[in-house]
Amino acid sequence: MRRHGIDISKQTSRQLVLKDFDSFDWILVMDKSNLTNAHRIAGNNQAHLTKIKLFVKDTEVPDPYYGGAEGFSQVYDMVDAAAGAWVKSWQSAT
């Protein structure tokens, strides 16, 4: 991220919890394992289930750790492009 001028030193992560479905409009996940877990947490609540999407449409984001330096670059490009696509979709919805 540093190579791209992005400081993530204050970034934290945590597990998804049921309350998140009431707090956020979208639950964007990186892979099918995350997708399965998010569906499990949402239960049968259709309003919650419709909020869950793969971050990169129809594609899992691989763990860059296993691809070395090139893996991190590929994942950055993939996530950056998907972020741009999400922003465009939200802008066109307003």
PDB file of N, CA and C in Angstrom:
ATOM      1  N   MET A   1       0.832  -1.188   0.000  1.00  0.00           N
ATOM      2  CA  MET A   1       0.000   0.000   0.000  1.00  0.00           C
ATOM      3  C   MET A   1       0.878   1.253   0.000  1.00  0.00           C
ATOM      4  N   ARG A   2       1.988   1.139   0.690  1.00  0.00           N
ATOM      5  CA  ARG A   2       2.916   2.268   0.742  1.00  0.00           C
ATOM      6  C   ARG A   2       3.377   2.664  -0.652  1.00  0.00           C
ATOM      7  N   ARG A   3       3.619   1.655  -1.507  1.00  0.00           N
ATOM      8  CA  ARG A   3       4.039   1.940  -2.886  1.00  0.00           C
ATOM      9  C   ARG A   3       3.019   2.770  -3.646  1.00  0.00           C
ATOM     10  N   HIS A   4       1.771   2.681  -3.204  1.00  0.00           N
ATOM     11  CA  HIS A   4       0.681   3.406  -3.863  1.00  0.00           C
ATOM     12  C   HIS A   4       0.291   4.665  -3.103  1.00  0.00           C
ATOM     13  N   GLY A   5       1.084   5.019  -2.090  1.00  0.00           N
ATOM     14  CA  GLY A   5       0.837   6.249  -1.341  1.00  0.00           C
ATOM     15  C   GLY A   5      -0.346   6.171  -0.389  1.00  0.00           C
ATOM     16  N   ILE A   6      -0.664   4.964   0.056  1.00  0.00           N
ATOM     17  CA  ILE A   6      -1.811   4.766   0.943  1.00  0.00           C
ATOM     18  C   ILE A   6      -1.304   4.277   2.299  1.00  0.00           C
ATOM     19  N   ASP A   7      -1.653   5.014   3.344  1.00  0.00           N
ATOM     20  CA  ASP A   7      -1.243   4.662   4.700  1.00  0.00           C
ATOM     21  C   ASP A   7      -2.350   3.843   5.370  1.00  0.00           C
ATOM     22  N   ILE A   8      -2.063   2.586   5.652  1.00  0.00           N
ATOM     23  CA  ILE A   8      -3.050   1.734   6.326  1.00  0.00           C
ATOM     24  C   ILE A   8      -2.582   1.359   7.734  1.00  0.00           C
ATOM     25  N   SER A   9      -1.649   2.121   8.278  1.00  0.00           N
ATOM     26  CA  SER A   9      -1.073   1.780   9.575  1.00  0.00           C
ATOM     27  C   SER A   9      -2.102   1.811  10.701  1.00  0.00           C
ATOM     28  N   LYS A  10      -3.173   2.546  10.535  1.00  0.00           N
ATOM     29  CA  LYS A  10      -4.199   2.619  11.576  1.00  0.00           C
ATOM     30  C   LYS A  10      -5.400   1.705  11.283  1.00  0.00           C
ATOM     31  N   GLN A  11      -5.285   0.934  10.221  1.00  0.00           N
ATOM     32  CA  GLN A  11      -6.369   0.021   9.857  1.00  0.00           C
ATOM     33  C   GLN A  11      -6.471  -1.104  10.879  1.00  0.00           C
ATOM     34  N   THR A  12      -7.685  -1.431  11.238  1.00  0.00           N
ATOM     35  CA  THR A  12      -7.931  -2.578  12.102  1.00  0.00           C
ATOM     36  C   THR A  12      -8.982  -3.450  11.434  1.00  0.00           C
ATOM     37  N   SER A  13      -9.070  -4.661  11.858  1.00  0.00           N
ATOM     38  CA  SER A  13     -10.089  -5.555  11.322  1.00  0.00           C
ATOM     39  C   SER A  13     -10.740  -6.297  12.480  1.00  0.00           C
ATOM     40  N   ARG A  14     -11.905  -6.812  12.194  1.00  0.00           N
ATOM     41  CA  ARG A  14     -12.630  -7.604  13.187  1.00  0.00           C
ATOM     42  C   ARG A  14     -13.590  -8.513  12.439  1.00  0.00           C
ATOM     43  N   GLN A  15     -14.167  -9.436  13.151  1.00  0.00           N
ATOM     44  CA  GLN A  15     -15.130 -10.337  12.532  1.00  0.00           C
ATOM     45  C   GLN A  15     -16.472  -9.639  12.361  1.00  0.00           C
ATOM     46  N   LEU A  16     -17.183 -10.052  11.331  1.00  0.00           N
ATOM     47  CA  LEU A  16     -18.529  -9.570  11.067  1.00  0.00           C
ATOM     48  C   LEU A  16     -19.468 -10.036  12.178  1.00  0.00           C
ATOM     49  N   VAL A  17     -20.359  -9.145  12.613  1.00  0.00           N
ATOM     50  CA  VAL A  17     -21.363  -9.494  13.622  1.00  0.00           C
ATOM     51  C   VAL A  17     -22.745  -9.107  13.097  1.00  0.00           C
ATOM     52  N   LEU A  18     -23.773  -9.700  13.657  1.00  0.00           N
ATOM     53  CA  LEU A  18     -25.141  -9.481  13.198  1.00  0.00           C
ATOM     54  C   LEU A  18     -25.519  -8.002  13.184  1.00  0.00           C
ATOM     55  N   LYS A  19     -25.085  -7.247  14.175  1.00  0.00           N
ATOM     56  CA  LYS A  19     -25.409  -5.823  14.259  1.00  0.00           C
ATOM     57  C   LYS A  19     -24.914  -5.040  13.036  1.00  0.00           C
ATOM     58  N   ASP A  20     -23.853  -5.531  12.387  1.00  0.00           N
ATOM     59  CA  ASP A  20     -23.324  -4.857  11.199  1.00  0.00           C
ATOM     60  C   ASP A  20     -24.374  -4.737  10.094  1.00  0.00           C
ATOM     61  N   PHE A  21     -25.281  -5.681  10.014  1.00  0.00           N
ATOM     62  CA  PHE A  21     -26.306  -5.641   8.976  1.00  0.00           C
ATOM     63  C   PHE A  21     -27.277  -4.478   9.185  1.00  0.00           C
ATOM     64  N   ASP A  22     -27.402  -4.018  10.413  1.00  0.00           N
ATOM     65  CA  ASP A  22     -28.232  -2.847  10.699  1.00  0.00           C
ATOM     66  C   ASP A  22     -27.436  -1.554  10.569  1.00  0.00           C
ATOM     67  N   SER A  23     -26.119  -1.642  10.691  1.00  0.00           N
ATOM     68  CA  SER A  23     -25.260  -0.455  10.669  1.00  0.00           C
ATOM     69  C   SER A  23     -24.775  -0.069   9.275  1.00  0.00           C
ATOM     70  N   PHE A  24     -24.720  -1.032   8.350  1.00  0.00           N
ATOM     71  CA  PHE A  24     -24.120  -0.786   7.048  1.00  0.00           C
ATOM     72  C   PHE A  24     -25.085  -1.126   5.914  1.00  0.00           C
ATOM     73  N   ASP A  25     -24.960  -0.384   4.821  1.00  0.00           N
ATOM     74  CA  ASP A  25     -25.799  -0.624   3.644  1.00  0.00           C
ATOM     75  C   ASP A  25     -25.340  -1.836   2.857  1.00  0.00           C
ATOM     76  N   TRP A  26     -24.047  -2.098   2.871  1.00  0.00           N
ATOM     77  CA  TRP A  26     -23.458  -3.197   2.112  1.00  0.00           C
ATOM     78  C   TRP A  26     -22.487  -3.968   2.991  1.00  0.00           C
ATOM     79  N   ILE A  27     -22.432  -5.273   2.772  1.00  0.00           N
ATOM     80  CA  ILE A  27     -21.432  -6.134   3.394  1.00  0.00           C
ATOM     81  C   ILE A  27     -20.658  -6.738   2.221  1.00  0.00           C
ATOM     82  N   LEU A  28     -19.467  -6.217   1.962  1.00  0.00           N
ATOM     83  CA  LEU A  28     -18.662  -6.645   0.819  1.00  0.00           C
ATOM     84  C   LEU A  28     -17.595  -7.614   1.310  1.00  0.00           C
ATOM     85  N   VAL A  29     -17.570  -8.796   0.725  1.00  0.00           N
ATOM     86  CA  VAL A  29     -16.655  -9.846   1.169  1.00  0.00           C
ATOM     87  C   VAL A  29     -15.655 -10.179   0.070  1.00  0.00           C
ATOM     88  N   MET A  30     -14.529 -10.727   0.454  1.00  0.00           N
ATOM     89  CA  MET A  30     -13.438 -10.969  -0.489  1.00  0.00           C
ATOM     90  C   MET A  30     -13.421 -12.354  -1.120  1.00  0.00           C
ATOM     91  N   ASP A  31     -14.014 -13.345  -0.445  1.00  0.00           N
ATOM     92  CA  ASP A  31     -13.968 -14.689  -1.019  1.00  0.00           C
ATOM     93  C   ASP A  31     -15.190 -15.498  -0.599  1.00  0.00           C
ATOM     94  N   LYS A  32     -15.292 -16.696  -1.149  1.00  0.00           N
ATOM     95  CA  LYS A  32     -16.476 -17.526  -0.901  1.00  0.00           C
ATOM     96  C   LYS A  32     -16.584 -17.983   0.543  1.00  0.00           C
ATOM     97  N   SER A  33     -15.456 -18.129   1.221  1.00  0.00           N
ATOM     98  CA  SER A  33     -15.492 -18.475   2.632  1.00  0.00           C
ATOM     99  C   SER A  33     -16.140 -17.334   3.428  1.00  0.00           C
ATOM    100  N   ASN A  34     -15.724 -16.093   3.136  1.00  0.00           N
ATOM    101  CA  ASN A  34     -16.344 -14.928   3.781  1.00  0.00           C
ATOM    102  C   ASN A  34     -17.817 -14.846   3.423  1.00  0.00           C
ATOM    103  N   LEU A  35     -18.154 -15.156   2.167  1.00  0.00           N
ATOM    104  CA  LEU A  35     -19.538 -15.111   1.705  1.00  0.00           C
ATOM    105  C   LEU A  35     -20.401 -16.111   2.481  1.00  0.00           C
ATOM    106  N   THR A  36     -19.893 -17.318   2.640  1.00  0.00           N
ATOM    107  CA  THR A  36     -20.606 -18.344   3.394  1.00  0.00           C
ATOM    108  C   THR A  36     -20.818 -17.912   4.841  1.00  0.00           C
ATOM    109  N   ASN A  37     -19.773 -17.373   5.463  1.00  0.00           N
ATOM    110  CA  ASN A  37     -19.884 -16.922   6.853  1.00  0.00           C
ATOM    111  C   ASN A  37     -20.862 -15.763   6.993  1.00  0.00           C
ATOM    112  N   ALA A  38     -20.831 -14.828   6.059  1.00  0.00           N
ATOM    113  CA  ALA A  38     -21.759 -13.696   6.111  1.00  0.00           C
ATOM    114  C   ALA A  38     -23.203 -14.179   5.969  1.00  0.00           C
ATOM    115  N   HIS A  39     -23.439 -15.134   5.076  1.00  0.00           N
ATOM    116  CA  HIS A  39     -24.787 -15.699   4.923  1.00  0.00           C
ATOM    117  C   HIS A  39     -25.237 -16.398   6.202  1.00  0.00           C
ATOM    118  N   ARG A  40     -24.305 -17.101   6.829  1.00  0.00           N
ATOM    119  CA  ARG A  40     -24.634 -17.796   8.083  1.00  0.00           C
ATOM    120  C   ARG A  40     -25.053 -16.790   9.156  1.00  0.00           C
ATOM    121  N   ILE A  41     -24.307 -15.696   9.270  1.00  0.00           N
ATOM    122  CA  ILE A  41     -24.612 -14.679  10.275  1.00  0.00           C
ATOM    123  C   ILE A  41     -25.935 -13.989   9.972  1.00  0.00           C
ATOM    124  N   ALA A  42     -26.206 -13.740   8.683  1.00  0.00           N
ATOM    125  CA  ALA A  42     -27.455 -13.074   8.283  1.00  0.00           C
ATOM    126  C   ALA A  42     -28.673 -13.952   8.533  1.00  0.00           C
ATOM    127  N   GLY A  43     -28.478 -15.249   8.535  1.00  0.00           N
ATOM    128  CA  GLY A  43     -29.591 -16.167   8.759  1.00  0.00           C
ATOM    129  C   GLY A  43     -30.592 -16.100   7.616  1.00  0.00           C
ATOM    130  N   ASN A  44     -31.850 -16.157   7.949  1.00  0.00           N
ATOM    131  CA  ASN A  44     -32.913 -16.138   6.937  1.00  0.00           C
ATOM    132  C   ASN A  44     -33.457 -14.738   6.690  1.00  0.00           C
ATOM    133  N   ASN A  45     -32.808 -13.722   7.210  1.00  0.00           N
ATOM    134  CA  ASN A  45     -33.271 -12.349   7.058  1.00  0.00           C
ATOM    135  C   ASN A  45     -32.952 -11.866   5.640  1.00  0.00           C
ATOM    136  N   GLN A  46     -33.973 -11.782   4.788  1.00  0.00           N
ATOM    137  CA  GLN A  46     -33.771 -11.424   3.382  1.00  0.00           C
ATOM    138  C   GLN A  46     -33.160 -10.033   3.217  1.00  0.00           C
ATOM    139  N   ALA A  47     -33.544  -9.091   4.062  1.00  0.00           N
ATOM    140  CA  ALA A  47     -32.979  -7.744   3.984  1.00  0.00           C
ATOM    141  C   ALA A  47     -31.477  -7.767   4.248  1.00  0.00           C
ATOM    142  N   HIS A  48     -31.061  -8.619   5.154  1.00  0.00           N
ATOM    143  CA  HIS A  48     -29.632  -8.747   5.440  1.00  0.00           C
ATOM    144  C   HIS A  48     -28.926  -9.466   4.304  1.00  0.00           C
ATOM    145  N   LEU A  49     -29.519 -10.522   3.792  1.00  0.00           N
ATOM    146  CA  LEU A  49     -28.894 -11.308   2.733  1.00  0.00           C
ATOM    147  C   LEU A  49     -28.652 -10.495   1.473  1.00  0.00           C
ATOM    148  N   THR A  50     -29.544  -9.567   1.157  1.00  0.00           N
ATOM    149  CA  THR A  50     -29.376  -8.768  -0.066  1.00  0.00           C
ATOM    150  C   THR A  50     -28.233  -7.768   0.038  1.00  0.00           C
ATOM    151  N   LYS A  51     -27.744  -7.510   1.228  1.00  0.00           N
ATOM    152  CA  LYS A  51     -26.625  -6.582   1.430  1.00  0.00           C
ATOM    153  C   LYS A  51     -25.273  -7.230   1.149  1.00  0.00           C
ATOM    154  N   ILE A  52     -25.216  -8.540   1.083  1.00  0.00           N
ATOM    155  CA  ILE A  52     -23.947  -9.267   0.966  1.00  0.00           C
ATOM    156  C   ILE A  52     -23.570  -9.449  -0.503  1.00  0.00           C
ATOM    157  N   LYS A  53     -22.375  -9.007  -0.854  1.00  0.00           N
ATOM    158  CA  LYS A  53     -21.865  -9.151  -2.223  1.00  0.00           C
ATOM    159  C   LYS A  53     -20.369  -9.452  -2.184  1.00  0.00           C
ATOM    160  N   LEU A  54     -19.895 -10.166  -3.204  1.00  0.00           N
ATOM    161  CA  LEU A  54     -18.460 -10.293  -3.381  1.00  0.00           C
ATOM    162  C   LEU A  54     -17.913  -8.936  -3.796  1.00  0.00           C
ATOM    163  N   PHE A  55     -16.812  -8.512  -3.213  1.00  0.00           N
ATOM    164  CA  PHE A  55     -16.224  -7.213  -3.518  1.00  0.00           C
ATOM    165  C   PHE A  55     -15.857  -7.101  -4.990  1.00  0.00           C
ATOM    166  N   VAL A  56     -15.249  -8.152  -5.525  1.00  0.00           N
ATOM    167  CA  VAL A  56     -14.948  -8.220  -6.951  1.00  0.00           C
ATOM    168  C   VAL A  56     -16.012  -9.126  -7.558  1.00  0.00           C
ATOM    169  N   LYS A  57     -16.876  -8.541  -8.374  1.00  0.00           N
ATOM    170  CA  LYS A  57     -18.038  -9.257  -8.895  1.00  0.00           C
ATOM    171  C   LYS A  57     -17.655 -10.625  -9.485  1.00  0.00           C
ATOM    172  N   ASP A  58     -18.312 -11.654  -8.988  1.00  0.00           N
ATOM    173  CA  ASP A  58     -18.162 -13.033  -9.477  1.00  0.00           C
ATOM    174  C   ASP A  58     -16.747 -13.597  -9.351  1.00  0.00           C
ATOM    175  N   THR A  59     -15.901 -12.974  -8.536  1.00  0.00           N
ATOM    176  CA  THR A  59     -14.513 -13.426  -8.416  1.00  0.00           C
ATOM    177  C   THR A  59     -14.052 -13.331  -6.969  1.00  0.00           C
ATOM    178  N   GLU A  60     -13.294 -14.324  -6.555  1.00  0.00           N
ATOM    179  CA  GLU A  60     -12.693 -14.262  -5.227  1.00  0.00           C
ATOM    180  C   GLU A  60     -11.391 -13.467  -5.285  1.00  0.00           C
ATOM    181  N   VAL A  61     -11.115 -12.715  -4.244  1.00  0.00           N
ATOM    182  CA  VAL A  61      -9.832 -12.023  -4.119  1.00  0.00           C
ATOM    183  C   VAL A  61      -8.882 -12.989  -3.416  1.00  0.00           C
ATOM    184  N   PRO A  62      -7.796 -13.360  -4.079  1.00  0.00           N
ATOM    185  CA  PRO A  62      -6.875 -14.316  -3.455  1.00  0.00           C
ATOM    186  C   PRO A  62      -6.079 -13.670  -2.330  1.00  0.00           C
ATOM    187  N   ASP A  63      -5.576 -14.500  -1.443  1.00  0.00           N
ATOM    188  CA  ASP A  63      -4.697 -14.023  -0.390  1.00  0.00           C
ATOM    189  C   ASP A  63      -3.357 -13.682  -1.033  1.00  0.00           C
ATOM    190  N   PRO A  64      -2.933 -12.414  -1.002  1.00  0.00           N
ATOM    191  CA  PRO A  64      -1.703 -12.031  -1.697  1.00  0.00           C
ATOM    192  C   PRO A  64      -0.444 -12.624  -1.088  1.00  0.00           C
ATOM    193  N   TYR A  65      -0.528 -13.067   0.139  1.00  0.00           N
ATOM    194  CA  TYR A  65       0.647 -13.602   0.830  1.00  0.00           C
ATOM    195  C   TYR A  65       1.289 -14.737   0.037  1.00  0.00           C
ATOM    196  N   TYR A  66       0.462 -15.549  -0.596  1.00  0.00           N
ATOM    197  CA  TYR A  66       0.972 -16.727  -1.285  1.00  0.00           C
ATOM    198  C   TYR A  66       1.511 -16.423  -2.678  1.00  0.00           C
ATOM    199  N   GLY A  67       1.378 -15.179  -3.138  1.00  0.00           N
ATOM    200  CA  GLY A  67       1.862 -14.823  -4.460  1.00  0.00           C
ATOM    201  C   GLY A  67       3.117 -13.972  -4.453  1.00  0.00           C
ATOM    202  N   GLY A  68       3.727 -13.821  -3.291  1.00  0.00           N
ATOM    203  CA  GLY A  68       4.924 -13.004  -3.200  1.00  0.00           C
ATOM    204  C   GLY A  68       4.628 -11.547  -3.508  1.00  0.00           C
ATOM    205  N   ALA A  69       5.663 -10.787  -3.857  1.00  0.00           N
ATOM    206  CA  ALA A  69       5.497  -9.355  -4.152  1.00  0.00           C
ATOM    207  C   ALA A  69       4.531  -9.157  -5.309  1.00  0.00           C
ATOM    208  N   GLU A  70       4.618 -10.011  -6.321  1.00  0.00           N
ATOM    209  CA  GLU A  70       3.720  -9.897  -7.477  1.00  0.00           C
ATOM    210  C   GLU A  70       2.266 -10.142  -7.065  1.00  0.00           C
ATOM    211  N   GLY A  71       2.061 -11.041  -6.121  1.00  0.00           N
ATOM    212  CA  GLY A  71       0.706 -11.311  -5.630  1.00  0.00           C
ATOM    213  C   GLY A  71       0.079 -10.084  -5.007  1.00  0.00           C
ATOM    214  N   PHE A  72       0.865  -9.330  -4.253  1.00  0.00           N
ATOM    215  CA  PHE A  72       0.351  -8.106  -3.637  1.00  0.00           C
ATOM    216  C   PHE A  72      -0.011  -7.075  -4.705  1.00  0.00           C
ATOM    217  N   SER A  73       0.805  -6.969  -5.741  1.00  0.00           N
ATOM    218  CA  SER A  73       0.511  -6.030  -6.826  1.00  0.00           C
ATOM    219  C   SER A  73      -0.757  -6.431  -7.565  1.00  0.00           C
ATOM    220  N   GLN A  74      -0.911  -7.714  -7.844  1.00  0.00           N
ATOM    221  CA  GLN A  74      -2.104  -8.188  -8.556  1.00  0.00           C
ATOM    222  C   GLN A  74      -3.361  -7.954  -7.729  1.00  0.00           C
ATOM    223  N   VAL A  75      -3.295  -8.253  -6.445  1.00  0.00           N
ATOM    224  CA  VAL A  75      -4.462  -8.052  -5.582  1.00  0.00           C
ATOM    225  C   VAL A  75      -4.774  -6.563  -5.451  1.00  0.00           C
ATOM    226  N   TYR A  76      -3.756  -5.728  -5.339  1.00  0.00           N
ATOM    227  CA  TYR A  76      -4.002  -4.287  -5.285  1.00  0.00           C
ATOM    228  C   TYR A  76      -4.745  -3.830  -6.536  1.00  0.00           C
ATOM    229  N   ASP A  77      -4.273  -4.234  -7.709  1.00  0.00           N
ATOM    230  CA  ASP A  77      -4.923  -3.832  -8.963  1.00  0.00           C
ATOM    231  C   ASP A  77      -6.364  -4.329  -9.025  1.00  0.00           C
ATOM    232  N   MET A  78      -6.580  -5.560  -8.589  1.00  0.00           N
ATOM    233  CA  MET A  78      -7.916  -6.150  -8.603  1.00  0.00           C
ATOM    234  C   MET A  78      -8.864  -5.369  -7.679  1.00  0.00           C
ATOM    235  N   VAL A  79      -8.416  -5.084  -6.464  1.00  0.00           N
ATOM    236  CA  VAL A  79      -9.250  -4.390  -5.480  1.00  0.00           C
ATOM    237  C   VAL A  79      -9.456  -2.929  -5.881  1.00  0.00           C
ATOM    238  N   ASP A  80      -8.422  -2.299  -6.411  1.00  0.00           N
ATOM    239  CA  ASP A  80      -8.543  -0.908  -6.853  1.00  0.00           C
ATOM    240  C   ASP A  80      -9.580  -0.780  -7.970  1.00  0.00           C
ATOM    241  N   ALA A  81      -9.545  -1.673  -8.940  1.00  0.00           N
ATOM    242  CA  ALA A  81     -10.521  -1.641 -10.035  1.00  0.00           C
ATOM    243  C   ALA A  81     -11.930  -1.900  -9.515  1.00  0.00           C
ATOM    244  N   ALA A  82     -12.064  -2.861  -8.611  1.00  0.00           N
ATOM    245  CA  ALA A  82     -13.389  -3.173  -8.055  1.00  0.00           C
ATOM    246  C   ALA A  82     -13.926  -2.012  -7.234  1.00  0.00           C
ATOM    247  N   ALA A  83     -13.066  -1.338  -6.480  1.00  0.00           N
ATOM    248  CA  ALA A  83     -13.502  -0.179  -5.696  1.00  0.00           C
ATOM    249  C   ALA A  83     -14.040   0.907  -6.618  1.00  0.00           C
ATOM    250  N   GLY A  84     -13.340   1.143  -7.722  1.00  0.00           N
ATOM    251  CA  GLY A  84     -13.817   2.121  -8.694  1.00  0.00           C
ATOM    252  C   GLY A  84     -15.174   1.739  -9.272  1.00  0.00           C
ATOM    253  N   ALA A  85     -15.359   0.463  -9.547  1.00  0.00           N
ATOM    254  CA  ALA A  85     -16.639  -0.010 -10.082  1.00  0.00           C
ATOM    255  C   ALA A  85     -17.766   0.167  -9.064  1.00  0.00           C
ATOM    256  N   TRP A  86     -17.483  -0.119  -7.778  1.00  0.00           N
ATOM    257  CA  TRP A  86     -18.501   0.087  -6.738  1.00  0.00           C
ATOM    258  C   TRP A  86     -18.876   1.576  -6.640  1.00  0.00           C
ATOM    259  N   VAL A  87     -17.887   2.445  -6.655  1.00  0.00           N
ATOM    260  CA  VAL A  87     -18.168   3.878  -6.560  1.00  0.00           C
ATOM    261  C   VAL A  87     -19.032   4.317  -7.737  1.00  0.00           C
ATOM    262  N   LYS A  88     -18.707   3.881  -8.937  1.00  0.00           N
ATOM    263  CA  LYS A  88     -19.525   4.234 -10.114  1.00  0.00           C
ATOM    264  C   LYS A  88     -20.958   3.737  -9.959  1.00  0.00           C
ATOM    265  N   SER A  89     -21.115   2.516  -9.471  1.00  0.00           N
ATOM    266  CA  SER A  89     -22.462   1.958  -9.332  1.00  0.00           C
ATOM    267  C   SER A  89     -23.263   2.743  -8.299  1.00  0.00           C
ATOM    268  N   TRP A  90     -22.622   3.178  -7.224  1.00  0.00           N
ATOM    269  CA  TRP A  90     -23.323   3.970  -6.216  1.00  0.00           C
ATOM    270  C   TRP A  90     -23.642   5.354  -6.732  1.00  0.00           C
ATOM    271  N   GLN A  91     -22.745   5.941  -7.518  1.00  0.00           N
ATOM    272  CA  GLN A  91     -22.983   7.271  -8.072  1.00  0.00           C
ATOM    273  C   GLN A  91     -24.146   7.231  -9.058  1.00  0.00           C
ATOM    274  N   SER A  92     -24.240   6.185  -9.853  1.00  0.00           N
ATOM    275  CA  SER A  92     -25.324   6.103 -10.835  1.00  0.00           C
ATOM    276  C   SER A  92     -26.666   5.786 -10.174  1.00  0.00           C
ATOM    277  N   ALA A  93     -26.618   5.278  -8.954  1.00  0.00           N
ATOM    278  CA  ALA A  93     -27.857   4.938  -8.237  1.00  0.00           C
ATOM    279  C   ALA A  93     -28.481   6.159  -7.580  1.00  0.00           C
ATOM    280  N   THR A  94     -27.737   7.257  -7.490  1.00  0.00           N
ATOM    281  CA  THR A  94     -28.280   8.453  -6.808  1.00  0.00           C
ATOM    282  C   THR A  94     -28.853   9.443  -7.782  1.00  0.00           C
TER     283      THR A  94
END
